């Protein structure tokens, strides 16, 4: 905890998968907190660790737009249960938890956690370092960091919980962050001519996101560079069918240009001619998803 001593028991909290809370005592202690509403409160507090979660936000997560007349009293009861649970996990009294760990604030409650206690924070750290490596031109380092960020995940966020509107929004945000990290890693792999590693993974992702153009661009390019031009063209056709059928829209000009370049077997798609990088970017609208290889060094 941020205000606790260094000798205090450390927790390992997982939200990128099933909700879990572990200490050196062993086991997933969250299993001993079976009531769904206190579990939701813990999840909400962990996702906003070291920031105040208002009682209004807690009420909306627990009851939506129909809180009970006894909302304040009921919330206090749930928070007391959470404090007792944390006290047992950390071998501290409820009063110590209320003072140092799960603190009452003017408008709500704040869960104080130390660096490294939540898997989400490790994911965000690795993702940020990976983005910096990309920006600095170190693709191999970026791949290691971004792969490490994705390996923090053990499954969909809070996969074992029935969530309310606030946690649902948080889950969507986290899934979007993971998808962004994955696409950034794919860009780096394409630049390093590691296209053969991508089709298997991207096949599942484009099925999950049938109208996501950047994923389809990466999938098409990885297939094309793997000698599977016909498969890449099928990917474009299916994307177009989804966009036209669901939204009444054609694929973006960037995707259409990529498609035409594949039809004509444009050698620039192979990414081998470094002298024409600028021409390639102009032709495809400067889209990073095309992942044009950088010069060595």
C-alpha atoms as a PDB file:
ATOM      1  CA  UNK A   1       0.000   0.000   0.000  1.00  0.00           C
ATOM      2  CA  UNK A   2       1.181   3.467  -0.769  1.00  0.00           C
ATOM      3  CA  UNK A   3       1.128   4.579   2.839  1.00  0.00           C
ATOM      4  CA  UNK A   4       2.023   1.273   4.447  1.00  0.00           C
ATOM      5  CA  UNK A   5       5.461   0.168   5.584  1.00  0.00           C
ATOM      6  CA  UNK A   6       7.822  -1.816   3.389  1.00  0.00           C
ATOM      7  CA  UNK A   7       7.328  -4.827   5.677  1.00  0.00           C
ATOM      8  CA  UNK A   8       3.576  -4.897   5.053  1.00  0.00           C
ATOM      9  CA  UNK A   9       2.174  -7.977   3.290  1.00  0.00           C
ATOM     10  CA  UNK A  10       2.094  -7.436  -0.460  1.00  0.00           C
ATOM     11  CA  UNK A  11      -0.846  -8.390  -2.641  1.00  0.00           C
ATOM     12  CA  UNK A  12      -0.964  -9.594  -6.217  1.00  0.00           C
ATOM     13  CA  UNK A  13      -4.238  -8.524  -7.796  1.00  0.00           C
ATOM     14  CA  UNK A  14      -5.402  -9.775 -11.170  1.00  0.00           C
ATOM     15  CA  UNK A  15      -8.116  -8.122 -13.258  1.00  0.00           C
ATOM     16  CA  UNK A  16      -6.821  -9.126 -16.724  1.00  0.00           C
ATOM     17  CA  UNK A  17      -8.561 -12.466 -16.516  1.00  0.00           C
ATOM     18  CA  UNK A  18     -10.593 -13.784 -13.600  1.00  0.00           C
ATOM     19  CA  UNK A  19     -10.619 -11.488 -10.575  1.00  0.00           C
ATOM     20  CA  UNK A  20      -7.943 -12.756  -8.191  1.00  0.00           C
ATOM     21  CA  UNK A  21      -6.183 -11.519  -5.074  1.00  0.00           C
ATOM     22  CA  UNK A  22      -3.179 -13.414  -3.767  1.00  0.00           C
ATOM     23  CA  UNK A  23      -0.672 -12.892  -0.971  1.00  0.00           C
ATOM     24  CA  UNK A  24       2.375 -14.907   0.114  1.00  0.00           C
ATOM     25  CA  UNK A  25      -0.048 -16.897   2.290  1.00  0.00           C
ATOM     26  CA  UNK A  26      -1.138 -18.610  -0.946  1.00  0.00           C
ATOM     27  CA  UNK A  27      -4.298 -19.259  -2.898  1.00  0.00           C
ATOM     28  CA  UNK A  28      -6.794 -16.921  -4.505  1.00  0.00           C
ATOM     29  CA  UNK A  29      -8.248 -15.213  -1.470  1.00  0.00           C
ATOM     30  CA  UNK A  30     -11.005 -13.594  -3.507  1.00  0.00           C
ATOM     31  CA  UNK A  31     -12.708 -16.999  -3.498  1.00  0.00           C
ATOM     32  CA  UNK A  32     -13.581 -16.342   0.138  1.00  0.00           C
ATOM     33  CA  UNK A  33     -15.525 -13.228  -0.853  1.00  0.00           C
ATOM     34  CA  UNK A  34     -18.482 -14.819  -2.583  1.00  0.00           C
ATOM     35  CA  UNK A  35     -21.070 -12.005  -2.477  1.00  0.00           C
ATOM     36  CA  UNK A  36     -21.231 -10.429  -5.950  1.00  0.00           C
ATOM     37  CA  UNK A  37     -21.668  -6.789  -4.920  1.00  0.00           C
ATOM     38  CA  UNK A  38     -18.586  -6.560  -2.651  1.00  0.00           C
ATOM     39  CA  UNK A  39     -16.617  -8.256  -5.447  1.00  0.00           C
ATOM     40  CA  UNK A  40     -17.808  -5.545  -7.852  1.00  0.00           C
ATOM     41  CA  UNK A  41     -16.700  -2.887  -5.379  1.00  0.00           C
ATOM     42  CA  UNK A  42     -13.227  -4.440  -5.143  1.00  0.00           C
ATOM     43  CA  UNK A  43     -12.943  -4.600  -8.944  1.00  0.00           C
ATOM     44  CA  UNK A  44     -14.013  -0.982  -9.315  1.00  0.00           C
ATOM     45  CA  UNK A  45     -11.591   0.172  -6.611  1.00  0.00           C
ATOM     46  CA  UNK A  46      -8.695  -1.810  -8.118  1.00  0.00           C
ATOM     47  CA  UNK A  47      -9.278  -0.397 -11.604  1.00  0.00           C
ATOM     48  CA  UNK A  48      -9.217   3.098 -10.095  1.00  0.00           C
ATOM     49  CA  UNK A  49      -6.458   2.332  -7.588  1.00  0.00           C
ATOM     50  CA  UNK A  50      -5.014   5.364  -5.782  1.00  0.00           C
ATOM     51  CA  UNK A  51      -7.916   7.495  -7.013  1.00  0.00           C
ATOM     52  CA  UNK A  52     -11.245   8.245  -5.367  1.00  0.00           C
ATOM     53  CA  UNK A  53     -14.243   6.193  -6.473  1.00  0.00           C
ATOM     54  CA  UNK A  54     -17.334   8.160  -5.582  1.00  0.00           C
ATOM     55  CA  UNK A  55     -20.281   6.618  -3.815  1.00  0.00           C
ATOM     56  CA  UNK A  56     -22.386   7.716  -6.800  1.00  0.00           C
ATOM     57  CA  UNK A  57     -20.172   5.658  -9.111  1.00  0.00           C
ATOM     58  CA  UNK A  58     -20.382   2.640  -6.819  1.00  0.00           C
ATOM     59  CA  UNK A  59     -24.153   2.936  -6.662  1.00  0.00           C
ATOM     60  CA  UNK A  60     -24.440   3.131 -10.439  1.00  0.00           C
ATOM     61  CA  UNK A  61     -22.281   0.023 -10.854  1.00  0.00           C
ATOM     62  CA  UNK A  62     -24.275  -1.937  -8.281  1.00  0.00           C
ATOM     63  CA  UNK A  63     -27.834  -0.818  -9.040  1.00  0.00           C
ATOM     64  CA  UNK A  64     -27.805   1.070 -12.326  1.00  0.00           C
ATOM     65  CA  UNK A  65     -30.383   3.825 -12.383  1.00  0.00           C
ATOM     66  CA  UNK A  66     -32.478   2.302  -9.582  1.00  0.00           C
ATOM     67  CA  UNK A  67     -30.545   2.509  -6.295  1.00  0.00           C
ATOM     68  CA  UNK A  68     -32.429   1.501  -3.128  1.00  0.00           C
ATOM     69  CA  UNK A  69     -33.563   4.084  -0.614  1.00  0.00           C
ATOM     70  CA  UNK A  70     -31.007   2.622   1.809  1.00  0.00           C
ATOM     71  CA  UNK A  71     -28.153   3.087  -0.711  1.00  0.00           C
ATOM     72  CA  UNK A  72     -25.725   4.868   1.627  1.00  0.00           C
ATOM     73  CA  UNK A  73     -26.168   2.419   4.489  1.00  0.00           C
ATOM     74  CA  UNK A  74     -25.965  -0.575   2.182  1.00  0.00           C
ATOM     75  CA  UNK A  75     -22.784   0.752   0.546  1.00  0.00           C
ATOM     76  CA  UNK A  76     -21.200   1.289   3.939  1.00  0.00           C
ATOM     77  CA  UNK A  77     -22.025  -2.318   4.819  1.00  0.00           C
ATOM     78  CA  UNK A  78     -20.391  -3.573   1.627  1.00  0.00           C
ATOM     79  CA  UNK A  79     -17.292  -1.434   2.199  1.00  0.00           C
ATOM     80  CA  UNK A  80     -17.044  -2.801   5.747  1.00  0.00           C
ATOM     81  CA  UNK A  81     -17.132  -6.332   4.328  1.00  0.00           C
ATOM     82  CA  UNK A  82     -14.372  -5.450   1.865  1.00  0.00           C
ATOM     83  CA  UNK A  83     -12.258  -3.944   4.638  1.00  0.00           C
ATOM     84  CA  UNK A  84     -12.635  -7.066   6.770  1.00  0.00           C
ATOM     85  CA  UNK A  85     -11.680  -9.182   3.784  1.00  0.00           C
ATOM     86  CA  UNK A  86      -8.588  -7.059   3.075  1.00  0.00           C
ATOM     87  CA  UNK A  87      -7.672  -7.147   6.748  1.00  0.00           C
ATOM     88  CA  UNK A  88      -7.644 -10.947   6.734  1.00  0.00           C
ATOM     89  CA  UNK A  89      -5.650 -11.007   3.490  1.00  0.00           C
ATOM     90  CA  UNK A  90      -3.059  -8.529   4.776  1.00  0.00           C
ATOM     91  CA  UNK A  91      -3.012  -9.694   8.405  1.00  0.00           C
ATOM     92  CA  UNK A  92      -4.107  -6.248   9.561  1.00  0.00           C
ATOM     93  CA  UNK A  93      -7.025  -4.976  11.612  1.00  0.00           C
ATOM     94  CA  UNK A  94     -10.052  -3.392   9.967  1.00  0.00           C
ATOM     95  CA  UNK A  95      -9.129  -0.052  11.528  1.00  0.00           C
ATOM     96  CA  UNK A  96      -5.629  -0.269  10.001  1.00  0.00           C
ATOM     97  CA  UNK A  97      -7.153  -1.087   6.616  1.00  0.00           C
ATOM     98  CA  UNK A  98      -9.519   1.881   6.946  1.00  0.00           C
ATOM     99  CA  UNK A  99      -6.590   4.170   7.800  1.00  0.00           C
ATOM    100  CA  UNK A 100      -4.022   2.977   5.238  1.00  0.00           C
ATOM    101  CA  UNK A 101      -5.568   0.791   2.559  1.00  0.00           C
ATOM    102  CA  UNK A 102      -9.258   1.413   1.818  1.00  0.00           C
ATOM    103  CA  UNK A 103      -9.612   5.012   2.900  1.00  0.00           C
ATOM    104  CA  UNK A 104     -12.795   7.037   3.264  1.00  0.00           C
ATOM    105  CA  UNK A 105     -12.746  10.262   1.274  1.00  0.00           C
ATOM    106  CA  UNK A 106     -15.189  13.159   1.209  1.00  0.00           C
ATOM    107  CA  UNK A 107     -17.081  11.846  -1.830  1.00  0.00           C
ATOM    108  CA  UNK A 108     -16.263   8.156  -1.727  1.00  0.00           C
ATOM    109  CA  UNK A 109     -13.438   5.688  -1.125  1.00  0.00           C
ATOM    110  CA  UNK A 110      -9.854   5.200  -2.309  1.00  0.00           C
ATOM    111  CA  UNK A 111      -7.913   1.941  -2.463  1.00  0.00           C
ATOM    112  CA  UNK A 112      -4.205   2.575  -1.941  1.00  0.00           C
ATOM    113  CA  UNK A 113      -2.007   0.073  -3.753  1.00  0.00           C
ATOM    114  CA  UNK A 114       1.736  -0.087  -4.245  1.00  0.00           C
ATOM    115  CA  UNK A 115       3.487  -0.253  -7.566  1.00  0.00           C
ATOM    116  CA  UNK A 116       3.513  -3.774  -8.977  1.00  0.00           C
ATOM    117  CA  UNK A 117       0.523  -5.072  -7.048  1.00  0.00           C
ATOM    118  CA  UNK A 118      -1.934  -4.998  -9.983  1.00  0.00           C
ATOM    119  CA  UNK A 119      -1.425  -6.844 -13.262  1.00  0.00           C
ATOM    120  CA  UNK A 120      -3.057  -3.956 -15.148  1.00  0.00           C
ATOM    121  CA  UNK A 121      -0.304  -1.582 -14.050  1.00  0.00           C
ATOM    122  CA  UNK A 122       2.369  -3.974 -15.333  1.00  0.00           C
ATOM    123  CA  UNK A 123       0.554  -4.193 -18.668  1.00  0.00           C
ATOM    124  CA  UNK A 124       0.395  -0.414 -18.927  1.00  0.00           C
ATOM    125  CA  UNK A 125       4.086  -0.054 -18.022  1.00  0.00           C
ATOM    126  CA  UNK A 126       5.245  -2.534 -20.640  1.00  0.00           C
ATOM    127  CA  UNK A 127       2.904  -1.073 -23.249  1.00  0.00           C
ATOM    128  CA  UNK A 128       4.231   2.449 -22.641  1.00  0.00           C
ATOM    129  CA  UNK A 129       7.851   1.261 -22.884  1.00  0.00           C
ATOM    130  CA  UNK A 130       6.991  -0.616 -26.062  1.00  0.00           C
ATOM    131  CA  UNK A 131       5.431   2.481 -27.632  1.00  0.00           C
ATOM    132  CA  UNK A 132       8.561   4.458 -26.792  1.00  0.00           C
ATOM    133  CA  UNK A 133      10.766   1.812 -28.388  1.00  0.00           C
ATOM    134  CA  UNK A 134       8.608   1.989 -31.518  1.00  0.00           C
ATOM    135  CA  UNK A 135       8.873   5.766 -31.618  1.00  0.00           C
ATOM    136  CA  UNK A 136      12.665   5.527 -31.217  1.00  0.00           C
ATOM    137  CA  UNK A 137      12.921   3.040 -34.080  1.00  0.00           C
ATOM    138  CA  UNK A 138      13.883  -0.045 -32.026  1.00  0.00           C
ATOM    139  CA  UNK A 139      11.469  -2.609 -33.445  1.00  0.00           C
ATOM    140  CA  UNK A 140      13.026  -5.726 -31.908  1.00  0.00           C
ATOM    141  CA  UNK A 141      12.943  -4.179 -28.436  1.00  0.00           C
ATOM    142  CA  UNK A 142       9.381  -3.010 -29.037  1.00  0.00           C
ATOM    143  CA  UNK A 143       8.290  -6.530 -29.980  1.00  0.00           C
ATOM    144  CA  UNK A 144       9.755  -7.930 -26.743  1.00  0.00           C
ATOM    145  CA  UNK A 145       8.057  -5.284 -24.610  1.00  0.00           C
ATOM    146  CA  UNK A 146       4.689  -5.406 -26.364  1.00  0.00           C
ATOM    147  CA  UNK A 147       4.687  -9.202 -26.298  1.00  0.00           C
ATOM    148  CA  UNK A 148       5.448  -9.025 -22.583  1.00  0.00           C
ATOM    149  CA  UNK A 149       2.522  -6.648 -22.113  1.00  0.00           C
ATOM    150  CA  UNK A 150       0.123  -9.071 -23.792  1.00  0.00           C
ATOM    151  CA  UNK A 151       1.475 -12.007 -21.796  1.00  0.00           C
ATOM    152  CA  UNK A 152       0.335 -10.299 -18.599  1.00  0.00           C
ATOM    153  CA  UNK A 153      -3.221 -11.137 -19.659  1.00  0.00           C
ATOM    154  CA  UNK A 154      -4.618 -14.519 -18.594  1.00  0.00           C
ATOM    155  CA  UNK A 155      -8.014 -13.987 -20.237  1.00  0.00           C
ATOM    156  CA  UNK A 156     -10.720 -11.390 -20.878  1.00  0.00           C
ATOM    157  CA  UNK A 157     -10.878  -8.771 -18.100  1.00  0.00           C
ATOM    158  CA  UNK A 158     -13.003  -9.793 -15.092  1.00  0.00           C
ATOM    159  CA  UNK A 159     -14.212 -12.741 -17.125  1.00  0.00           C
ATOM    160  CA  UNK A 160     -15.815 -14.440 -14.115  1.00  0.00           C
ATOM    161  CA  UNK A 161     -18.001 -11.486 -13.074  1.00  0.00           C
ATOM    162  CA  UNK A 162     -21.404 -10.164 -14.074  1.00  0.00           C
ATOM    163  CA  UNK A 163     -20.571  -6.480 -14.363  1.00  0.00           C
ATOM    164  CA  UNK A 164     -22.582  -3.285 -14.292  1.00  0.00           C
ATOM    165  CA  UNK A 165     -22.271  -0.241 -16.563  1.00  0.00           C
ATOM    166  CA  UNK A 166     -19.031   1.186 -15.127  1.00  0.00           C
ATOM    167  CA  UNK A 167     -17.089  -2.060 -15.100  1.00  0.00           C
ATOM    168  CA  UNK A 168     -18.430  -2.862 -18.559  1.00  0.00           C
ATOM    169  CA  UNK A 169     -17.011   0.443 -19.839  1.00  0.00           C
ATOM    170  CA  UNK A 170     -13.674  -0.318 -18.143  1.00  0.00           C
ATOM    171  CA  UNK A 171     -13.553  -3.761 -19.738  1.00  0.00           C
ATOM    172  CA  UNK A 172     -14.157  -2.283 -23.186  1.00  0.00           C
ATOM    173  CA  UNK A 173     -11.364   0.232 -22.588  1.00  0.00           C
ATOM    174  CA  UNK A 174      -8.948  -2.492 -21.532  1.00  0.00           C
ATOM    175  CA  UNK A 175      -9.783  -4.689 -24.506  1.00  0.00           C
ATOM    176  CA  UNK A 176      -9.212  -1.750 -26.837  1.00  0.00           C
ATOM    177  CA  UNK A 177      -5.846  -1.086 -25.181  1.00  0.00           C
ATOM    178  CA  UNK A 178      -4.796  -4.688 -25.676  1.00  0.00           C
ATOM    179  CA  UNK A 179      -5.863  -4.611 -29.328  1.00  0.00           C
ATOM    180  CA  UNK A 180      -3.836  -1.441 -29.868  1.00  0.00           C
ATOM    181  CA  UNK A 181      -0.755  -3.073 -28.333  1.00  0.00           C
ATOM    182  CA  UNK A 182      -1.208  -6.115 -30.524  1.00  0.00           C
ATOM    183  CA  UNK A 183      -1.489  -4.027 -33.705  1.00  0.00           C
ATOM    184  CA  UNK A 184       1.601  -2.030 -32.747  1.00  0.00           C
ATOM    185  CA  UNK A 185       3.530  -5.271 -32.323  1.00  0.00           C
ATOM    186  CA  UNK A 186       2.233  -6.504 -35.678  1.00  0.00           C
ATOM    187  CA  UNK A 187       3.503  -3.327 -37.334  1.00  0.00           C
ATOM    188  CA  UNK A 188       6.963  -3.953 -35.903  1.00  0.00           C
ATOM    189  CA  UNK A 189       6.932  -7.590 -37.019  1.00  0.00           C
ATOM    190  CA  UNK A 190       5.967  -6.601 -40.555  1.00  0.00           C
ATOM    191  CA  UNK A 191       8.822  -4.095 -40.653  1.00  0.00           C
ATOM    192  CA  UNK A 192      11.240  -6.836 -39.590  1.00  0.00           C
ATOM    193  CA  UNK A 193       9.924  -9.241 -42.265  1.00  0.00           C
ATOM    194  CA  UNK A 194       8.344 -11.499 -39.630  1.00  0.00           C
ATOM    195  CA  UNK A 195       5.096 -11.613 -41.609  1.00  0.00           C
ATOM    196  CA  UNK A 196       4.993 -15.424 -41.467  1.00  0.00           C
ATOM    197  CA  UNK A 197       4.267 -15.220 -37.711  1.00  0.00           C
ATOM    198  CA  UNK A 198       1.068 -13.211 -38.141  1.00  0.00           C
ATOM    199  CA  UNK A 199      -1.573 -14.977 -40.299  1.00  0.00           C
ATOM    200  CA  UNK A 200      -2.617 -17.523 -37.672  1.00  0.00           C
ATOM    201  CA  UNK A 201      -3.152 -14.928 -34.958  1.00  0.00           C
ATOM    202  CA  UNK A 202      -4.797 -12.394 -37.256  1.00  0.00           C
ATOM    203  CA  UNK A 203      -7.206 -14.959 -38.694  1.00  0.00           C
ATOM    204  CA  UNK A 204      -8.913 -15.207 -35.324  1.00  0.00           C
ATOM    205  CA  UNK A 205      -8.852 -11.470 -34.730  1.00  0.00           C
ATOM    206  CA  UNK A 206     -10.515 -10.511 -38.013  1.00  0.00           C
ATOM    207  CA  UNK A 207     -13.256 -13.026 -37.199  1.00  0.00           C
ATOM    208  CA  UNK A 208     -13.699 -11.336 -33.847  1.00  0.00           C
ATOM    209  CA  UNK A 209     -13.563  -7.841 -35.393  1.00  0.00           C
ATOM    210  CA  UNK A 210     -15.064  -8.354 -38.877  1.00  0.00           C
ATOM    211  CA  UNK A 211     -15.136  -4.635 -39.739  1.00  0.00           C
ATOM    212  CA  UNK A 212     -11.818  -3.502 -38.229  1.00  0.00           C
ATOM    213  CA  UNK A 213      -9.899  -2.117 -41.213  1.00  0.00           C
ATOM    214  CA  UNK A 214      -6.441  -1.865 -39.627  1.00  0.00           C
ATOM    215  CA  UNK A 215      -6.512  -5.515 -38.567  1.00  0.00           C
ATOM    216  CA  UNK A 216      -7.606  -6.511 -42.058  1.00  0.00           C
ATOM    217  CA  UNK A 217      -4.823  -4.431 -43.624  1.00  0.00           C
ATOM    218  CA  UNK A 218      -2.239  -6.182 -41.462  1.00  0.00           C
ATOM    219  CA  UNK A 219      -3.763  -9.590 -42.223  1.00  0.00           C
ATOM    220  CA  UNK A 220      -3.827  -8.924 -45.958  1.00  0.00           C
ATOM    221  CA  UNK A 221      -0.229  -7.746 -46.017  1.00  0.00           C
ATOM    222  CA  UNK A 222       1.031 -10.669 -43.916  1.00  0.00           C
ATOM    223  CA  UNK A 223      -0.728 -13.128 -46.225  1.00  0.00           C
ATOM    224  CA  UNK A 224       0.532 -11.396 -49.357  1.00  0.00           C
ATOM    225  CA  UNK A 225       4.129 -11.378 -48.154  1.00  0.00           C
ATOM    226  CA  UNK A 226       3.769 -15.060 -47.222  1.00  0.00           C
ATOM    227  CA  UNK A 227       2.949 -15.887 -50.849  1.00  0.00           C
ATOM    228  CA  UNK A 228      -0.808 -16.131 -50.278  1.00  0.00           C
ATOM    229  CA  UNK A 229      -2.128 -13.371 -52.495  1.00  0.00           C
ATOM    230  CA  UNK A 230      -5.404 -15.139 -53.262  1.00  0.00           C
ATOM    231  CA  UNK A 231      -6.128 -15.515 -49.540  1.00  0.00           C
ATOM    232  CA  UNK A 232      -5.351 -11.827 -49.005  1.00  0.00           C
ATOM    233  CA  UNK A 233      -7.866 -10.906 -51.709  1.00  0.00           C
ATOM    234  CA  UNK A 234     -10.495 -13.096 -50.056  1.00  0.00           C
ATOM    235  CA  UNK A 235      -9.911 -11.222 -46.783  1.00  0.00           C
ATOM    236  CA  UNK A 236     -10.620  -7.940 -48.570  1.00  0.00           C
ATOM    237  CA  UNK A 237     -13.771  -9.341 -50.179  1.00  0.00           C
ATOM    238  CA  UNK A 238     -15.137 -10.510 -46.830  1.00  0.00           C
ATOM    239  CA  UNK A 239     -14.362  -7.174 -45.214  1.00  0.00           C
ATOM    240  CA  UNK A 240     -16.160  -5.357 -48.016  1.00  0.00           C
ATOM    241  CA  UNK A 241     -19.183  -7.659 -47.676  1.00  0.00           C
ATOM    242  CA  UNK A 242     -19.411  -6.889 -43.965  1.00  0.00           C
ATOM    243  CA  UNK A 243     -19.014  -3.134 -44.398  1.00  0.00           C
ATOM    244  CA  UNK A 244     -21.521  -2.884 -47.237  1.00  0.00           C
ATOM    245  CA  UNK A 245     -23.979  -5.300 -45.651  1.00  0.00           C
ATOM    246  CA  UNK A 246     -23.875  -3.868 -42.116  1.00  0.00           C
ATOM    247  CA  UNK A 247     -23.123  -0.182 -42.681  1.00  0.00           C
ATOM    248  CA  UNK A 248     -23.710   0.474 -46.364  1.00  0.00           C
ATOM    249  CA  UNK A 249     -20.081   1.666 -46.663  1.00  0.00           C
ATOM    250  CA  UNK A 250     -17.225   0.759 -48.963  1.00  0.00           C
ATOM    251  CA  UNK A 251     -13.777   0.049 -47.484  1.00  0.00           C
ATOM    252  CA  UNK A 252     -11.574   3.100 -47.007  1.00  0.00           C
ATOM    253  CA  UNK A 253      -9.462   4.390 -49.877  1.00  0.00           C
ATOM    254  CA  UNK A 254      -6.394   3.049 -48.073  1.00  0.00           C
ATOM    255  CA  UNK A 255      -7.767  -0.505 -48.140  1.00  0.00           C
ATOM    256  CA  UNK A 256      -8.924  -0.135 -51.726  1.00  0.00           C
ATOM    257  CA  UNK A 257      -5.437   0.996 -52.763  1.00  0.00           C
ATOM    258  CA  UNK A 258      -3.899  -1.941 -50.926  1.00  0.00           C
ATOM    259  CA  UNK A 259      -6.303  -4.265 -52.727  1.00  0.00           C
ATOM    260  CA  UNK A 260      -5.457  -2.796 -56.139  1.00  0.00           C
ATOM    261  CA  UNK A 261      -1.730  -3.041 -55.437  1.00  0.00           C
ATOM    262  CA  UNK A 262      -2.152  -6.745 -54.682  1.00  0.00           C
ATOM    263  CA  UNK A 263      -4.118  -7.281 -57.873  1.00  0.00           C
ATOM    264  CA  UNK A 264      -1.223  -5.801 -59.847  1.00  0.00           C
ATOM    265  CA  UNK A 265       1.472  -7.526 -57.747  1.00  0.00           C
ATOM    266  CA  UNK A 266       3.065  -4.161 -56.982  1.00  0.00           C
ATOM    267  CA  UNK A 267       6.659  -4.959 -55.899  1.00  0.00           C
ATOM    268  CA  UNK A 268       6.566  -2.164 -53.342  1.00  0.00           C
ATOM    269  CA  UNK A 269       4.274  -4.311 -51.199  1.00  0.00           C
ATOM    270  CA  UNK A 270       7.165  -6.659 -50.536  1.00  0.00           C
ATOM    271  CA  UNK A 271       8.904  -3.869 -48.639  1.00  0.00           C
ATOM    272  CA  UNK A 272      12.266  -4.689 -50.174  1.00  0.00           C
ATOM    273  CA  UNK A 273      12.947  -1.440 -52.006  1.00  0.00           C
ATOM    274  CA  UNK A 274      13.913   0.964 -49.235  1.00  0.00           C
ATOM    275  CA  UNK A 275      14.610   3.772 -51.715  1.00  0.00           C
ATOM    276  CA  UNK A 276      10.904   4.087 -52.475  1.00  0.00           C
ATOM    277  CA  UNK A 277       9.501   4.159 -48.935  1.00  0.00           C
ATOM    278  CA  UNK A 278       8.121   7.663 -49.315  1.00  0.00           C
ATOM    279  CA  UNK A 279       6.442   6.714 -52.588  1.00  0.00           C
ATOM    280  CA  UNK A 280       4.843   3.712 -50.888  1.00  0.00           C
ATOM    281  CA  UNK A 281       3.547   5.801 -47.999  1.00  0.00           C
ATOM    282  CA  UNK A 282       2.098   8.359 -50.399  1.00  0.00           C
ATOM    283  CA  UNK A 283       0.433   5.664 -52.431  1.00  0.00           C
ATOM    284  CA  UNK A 284      -1.240   4.128 -49.376  1.00  0.00           C
ATOM    285  CA  UNK A 285      -2.086   7.276 -47.502  1.00  0.00           C
ATOM    286  CA  UNK A 286       0.778   7.038 -45.013  1.00  0.00           C
ATOM    287  CA  UNK A 287      -0.971   4.288 -43.065  1.00  0.00           C
ATOM    288  CA  UNK A 288       1.194   2.771 -40.323  1.00  0.00           C
ATOM    289  CA  UNK A 289      -0.639  -0.538 -40.672  1.00  0.00           C
ATOM    290  CA  UNK A 290       1.337  -1.170 -43.869  1.00  0.00           C
ATOM    291  CA  UNK A 291       4.464  -1.382 -41.710  1.00  0.00           C
ATOM    292  CA  UNK A 292       7.075  -0.397 -44.285  1.00  0.00           C
ATOM    293  CA  UNK A 293      10.497  -1.741 -43.224  1.00  0.00           C
ATOM    294  CA  UNK A 294      12.960   0.734 -41.802  1.00  0.00           C
ATOM    295  CA  UNK A 295      16.582   0.950 -42.849  1.00  0.00           C
ATOM    296  CA  UNK A 296      18.922  -1.038 -40.664  1.00  0.00           C
ATOM    297  CA  UNK A 297      20.520   1.006 -37.893  1.00  0.00           C
END
